[in-house]
Amino acid sequence: MPIFEYSCRDCGKAFEELVLGQEEDVACPHCGSAKTEKLMSCCRSKVGGGHDAEASIGSAAPAPSGGGCSGCSGGSCSSCH
């Protein structure tokens, strides 16, 4: 049972909805409008290297080296945020 992201064409708000089966008509929880469209979601995955950082497909470049917290030296680990 996947969770999809939607945008309401009437009020402009974005929201997530758990979609059961082939259900396509999703009403906006903010205004109740049925004029919604499914958004393209970003994929997230764990990256190798023995650390626990997460990367997003199509995300911005990682932070430059040396700007990290005391727990790392790369500046792009999830514990720095």
N, C-alpha and C. Protein backbone atom coordinates (compact mmCIF):
# COMPACT_ATOMS: atom_id res chain seq x y z
N MET A 1 0.84 -1.17 0.00
CA MET A 1 0.00 0.00 0.00
C MET A 1 0.89 1.24 0.00
N PRO A 2 1.10 1.82 -1.16
CA PRO A 2 2.00 2.96 -1.26
C PRO A 2 1.36 4.27 -0.82
N ILE A 3 2.21 5.17 -0.39
CA ILE A 3 1.79 6.53 -0.06
C ILE A 3 2.22 7.41 -1.22
N PHE A 4 1.27 8.15 -1.80
CA PHE A 4 1.55 9.03 -2.92
C PHE A 4 1.43 10.48 -2.49
N GLU A 5 2.14 11.35 -3.21
CA GLU A 5 2.06 12.78 -2.98
C GLU A 5 1.12 13.37 -4.02
N TYR A 6 0.27 14.29 -3.57
CA TYR A 6 -0.70 14.94 -4.44
C TYR A 6 -0.64 16.45 -4.24
N SER A 7 -1.17 17.17 -5.22
CA SER A 7 -1.33 18.61 -5.14
C SER A 7 -2.76 18.94 -5.52
N CYS A 8 -3.37 19.86 -4.79
CA CYS A 8 -4.74 20.28 -5.08
C CYS A 8 -4.70 21.45 -6.06
N ARG A 9 -5.45 21.35 -7.14
CA ARG A 9 -5.50 22.43 -8.14
C ARG A 9 -6.36 23.59 -7.68
N ASP A 10 -7.24 23.38 -6.71
CA ASP A 10 -8.08 24.47 -6.21
C ASP A 10 -7.39 25.32 -5.14
N CYS A 11 -6.86 24.68 -4.10
CA CYS A 11 -6.25 25.45 -3.01
C CYS A 11 -4.73 25.50 -3.09
N GLY A 12 -4.10 24.65 -3.94
CA GLY A 12 -2.65 24.69 -4.12
C GLY A 12 -1.84 23.96 -3.07
N LYS A 13 -2.48 23.33 -2.12
CA LYS A 13 -1.75 22.63 -1.06
C LYS A 13 -1.31 21.24 -1.53
N ALA A 14 -0.14 20.83 -1.05
CA ALA A 14 0.38 19.48 -1.32
C ALA A 14 0.07 18.60 -0.11
N PHE A 15 -0.17 17.32 -0.36
CA PHE A 15 -0.47 16.39 0.72
C PHE A 15 -0.10 14.98 0.30
N GLU A 16 -0.01 14.08 1.27
CA GLU A 16 0.27 12.67 1.02
C GLU A 16 -0.98 11.86 1.32
N GLU A 17 -1.16 10.77 0.58
CA GLU A 17 -2.34 9.93 0.77
C GLU A 17 -1.96 8.46 0.59
N LEU A 18 -2.41 7.63 1.51
CA LEU A 18 -2.25 6.18 1.40
C LEU A 18 -3.31 5.70 0.42
N VAL A 19 -2.88 5.10 -0.68
CA VAL A 19 -3.81 4.69 -1.74
C VAL A 19 -3.97 3.18 -1.70
N LEU A 20 -5.20 2.73 -1.55
CA LEU A 20 -5.51 1.31 -1.49
C LEU A 20 -5.94 0.83 -2.86
N GLY A 21 -5.28 -0.19 -3.39
CA GLY A 21 -5.64 -0.75 -4.68
C GLY A 21 -5.43 0.22 -5.82
N GLN A 22 -6.39 0.29 -6.74
CA GLN A 22 -6.30 1.13 -7.92
C GLN A 22 -7.04 2.46 -7.74
N GLU A 23 -7.30 2.83 -6.51
CA GLU A 23 -8.01 4.08 -6.21
C GLU A 23 -7.25 5.28 -6.79
N GLU A 24 -7.88 6.01 -7.69
CA GLU A 24 -7.22 7.16 -8.33
C GLU A 24 -7.82 8.49 -7.90
N ASP A 25 -9.11 8.52 -7.57
CA ASP A 25 -9.77 9.77 -7.19
C ASP A 25 -9.51 10.05 -5.72
N VAL A 26 -8.64 11.05 -5.47
CA VAL A 26 -8.27 11.40 -4.11
C VAL A 26 -8.69 12.84 -3.85
N ALA A 27 -9.48 13.05 -2.80
CA ALA A 27 -9.95 14.39 -2.46
C ALA A 27 -8.92 15.09 -1.57
N CYS A 28 -8.83 16.39 -1.71
CA CYS A 28 -7.91 17.20 -0.91
C CYS A 28 -8.40 17.23 0.54
N PRO A 29 -7.54 16.91 1.51
CA PRO A 29 -7.96 16.94 2.91
C PRO A 29 -8.13 18.36 3.45
N HIS A 30 -7.61 19.36 2.74
CA HIS A 30 -7.67 20.75 3.20
C HIS A 30 -8.97 21.44 2.77
N CYS A 31 -9.36 21.26 1.49
CA CYS A 31 -10.55 21.95 0.99
C CYS A 31 -11.64 21.00 0.49
N GLY A 32 -11.32 19.71 0.37
CA GLY A 32 -12.31 18.72 -0.08
C GLY A 32 -12.46 18.60 -1.58
N SER A 33 -11.70 19.37 -2.34
CA SER A 33 -11.81 19.33 -3.79
C SER A 33 -11.33 17.99 -4.36
N ALA A 34 -11.97 17.56 -5.43
CA ALA A 34 -11.54 16.34 -6.12
C ALA A 34 -10.57 16.66 -7.25
N LYS A 35 -10.25 17.93 -7.44
CA LYS A 35 -9.32 18.36 -8.49
C LYS A 35 -7.90 18.27 -7.97
N THR A 36 -7.40 17.04 -7.89
CA THR A 36 -6.04 16.80 -7.40
C THR A 36 -5.23 16.11 -8.48
N GLU A 37 -3.92 16.25 -8.38
CA GLU A 37 -3.04 15.56 -9.31
C GLU A 37 -1.89 14.91 -8.54
N LYS A 38 -1.54 13.72 -9.00
CA LYS A 38 -0.46 12.96 -8.38
C LYS A 38 0.87 13.61 -8.76
N LEU A 39 1.75 13.81 -7.77
CA LEU A 39 3.05 14.41 -8.01
C LEU A 39 4.11 13.34 -8.16
N MET A 40 5.21 13.70 -8.80
CA MET A 40 6.36 12.81 -8.92
C MET A 40 7.12 12.87 -7.60
N SER A 41 7.31 11.73 -6.98
CA SER A 41 8.01 11.67 -5.70
C SER A 41 9.49 11.42 -5.91
N CYS A 42 10.30 11.94 -5.01
CA CYS A 42 11.75 11.69 -5.04
C CYS A 42 12.02 10.33 -4.40
N CYS A 43 12.98 9.64 -4.93
CA CYS A 43 13.40 8.36 -4.35
C CYS A 43 14.55 8.61 -3.38
N ARG A 44 14.56 7.90 -2.29
CA ARG A 44 15.66 8.00 -1.33
C ARG A 44 16.25 6.62 -1.15
N SER A 45 17.56 6.57 -1.02
CA SER A 45 18.22 5.29 -0.81
C SER A 45 19.46 5.47 0.03
N LYS A 46 19.85 4.42 0.69
CA LYS A 46 21.09 4.43 1.47
C LYS A 46 22.26 4.33 0.51
N VAL A 47 23.35 5.01 0.81
CA VAL A 47 24.54 4.95 -0.01
C VAL A 47 25.60 4.15 0.72
N GLY A 48 26.51 3.53 -0.04
CA GLY A 48 27.55 2.70 0.56
C GLY A 48 28.63 3.53 1.23
N GLY A 49 29.72 2.87 1.57
CA GLY A 49 30.85 3.55 2.19
C GLY A 49 30.94 3.32 3.68
N GLY A 50 30.07 2.51 4.24
CA GLY A 50 30.17 2.17 5.66
C GLY A 50 29.60 3.22 6.58
N HIS A 51 28.98 4.27 6.07
CA HIS A 51 28.36 5.25 6.93
C HIS A 51 26.86 5.26 6.68
N ASP A 52 26.13 6.00 7.47
CA ASP A 52 24.68 5.93 7.45
C ASP A 52 24.06 7.14 6.77
N ALA A 53 24.74 7.71 5.77
CA ALA A 53 24.21 8.89 5.08
C ALA A 53 23.13 8.47 4.10
N GLU A 54 22.19 9.38 3.85
CA GLU A 54 21.15 9.13 2.87
C GLU A 54 21.34 10.09 1.71
N ALA A 55 21.03 9.63 0.51
CA ALA A 55 21.12 10.48 -0.67
C ALA A 55 19.79 10.46 -1.39
N SER A 56 19.45 11.56 -2.00
CA SER A 56 18.22 11.66 -2.76
C SER A 56 18.58 11.74 -4.23
N ILE A 57 17.93 10.93 -5.04
CA ILE A 57 18.18 10.94 -6.48
C ILE A 57 17.83 12.32 -7.00
N GLY A 58 18.75 12.93 -7.73
CA GLY A 58 18.50 14.25 -8.30
C GLY A 58 18.65 15.38 -7.31
N SER A 59 19.24 15.12 -6.15
CA SER A 59 19.39 16.18 -5.16
C SER A 59 20.61 17.04 -5.47
N ALA A 60 20.73 18.12 -4.76
CA ALA A 60 21.86 19.03 -4.94
C ALA A 60 23.15 18.35 -4.55
N ALA A 61 24.26 18.93 -4.99
CA ALA A 61 25.58 18.38 -4.68
C ALA A 61 25.82 18.38 -3.18
N PRO A 62 26.62 17.43 -2.66
CA PRO A 62 26.89 17.38 -1.24
C PRO A 62 27.66 18.61 -0.76
N ALA A 63 27.56 18.87 0.52
CA ALA A 63 28.25 20.01 1.11
C ALA A 63 29.76 19.83 0.99
N PRO A 64 30.51 20.92 0.87
CA PRO A 64 31.95 20.81 0.73
C PRO A 64 32.61 20.23 1.97
N SER A 65 33.77 19.61 1.79
CA SER A 65 34.49 18.99 2.89
C SER A 65 34.94 20.03 3.90
N GLY A 66 35.12 19.57 5.12
CA GLY A 66 35.64 20.43 6.16
C GLY A 66 34.58 21.22 6.90
N GLY A 67 33.33 21.19 6.43
CA GLY A 67 32.30 21.98 7.08
C GLY A 67 31.43 21.15 7.99
N GLY A 68 31.88 19.97 8.38
CA GLY A 68 31.06 19.06 9.14
C GLY A 68 31.04 19.35 10.62
N CYS A 69 30.31 18.53 11.35
CA CYS A 69 30.25 18.66 12.79
C CYS A 69 31.43 17.91 13.40
N SER A 70 31.48 17.85 14.70
CA SER A 70 32.59 17.17 15.35
C SER A 70 32.55 15.66 15.14
N GLY A 71 31.42 15.13 14.70
CA GLY A 71 31.28 13.69 14.50
C GLY A 71 31.73 13.19 13.15
N CYS A 72 32.00 14.10 12.20
CA CYS A 72 32.42 13.68 10.88
C CYS A 72 33.30 14.75 10.25
N SER A 73 33.86 14.45 9.12
CA SER A 73 34.71 15.44 8.46
C SER A 73 34.15 15.84 7.10
N GLY A 74 33.10 15.18 6.63
CA GLY A 74 32.60 15.44 5.28
C GLY A 74 31.58 16.56 5.21
N GLY A 75 30.88 16.83 6.28
CA GLY A 75 29.89 17.88 6.27
C GLY A 75 28.58 17.52 5.64
N SER A 76 28.40 16.27 5.23
CA SER A 76 27.14 15.91 4.57
C SER A 76 26.48 14.71 5.23
N CYS A 77 26.86 14.37 6.45
CA CYS A 77 26.22 13.24 7.10
C CYS A 77 24.88 13.66 7.69
N SER A 78 23.99 12.72 7.87
CA SER A 78 22.65 13.05 8.34
C SER A 78 22.65 13.55 9.79
N SER A 79 23.68 13.24 10.57
CA SER A 79 23.71 13.70 11.96
C SER A 79 24.08 15.18 12.07
N CYS A 80 24.58 15.78 10.99
CA CYS A 80 24.94 17.21 11.01
C CYS A 80 23.73 18.11 10.82
N HIS A 81 22.62 17.55 10.38
CA HIS A 81 21.46 18.40 10.04
C HIS A 81 20.49 18.45 11.15
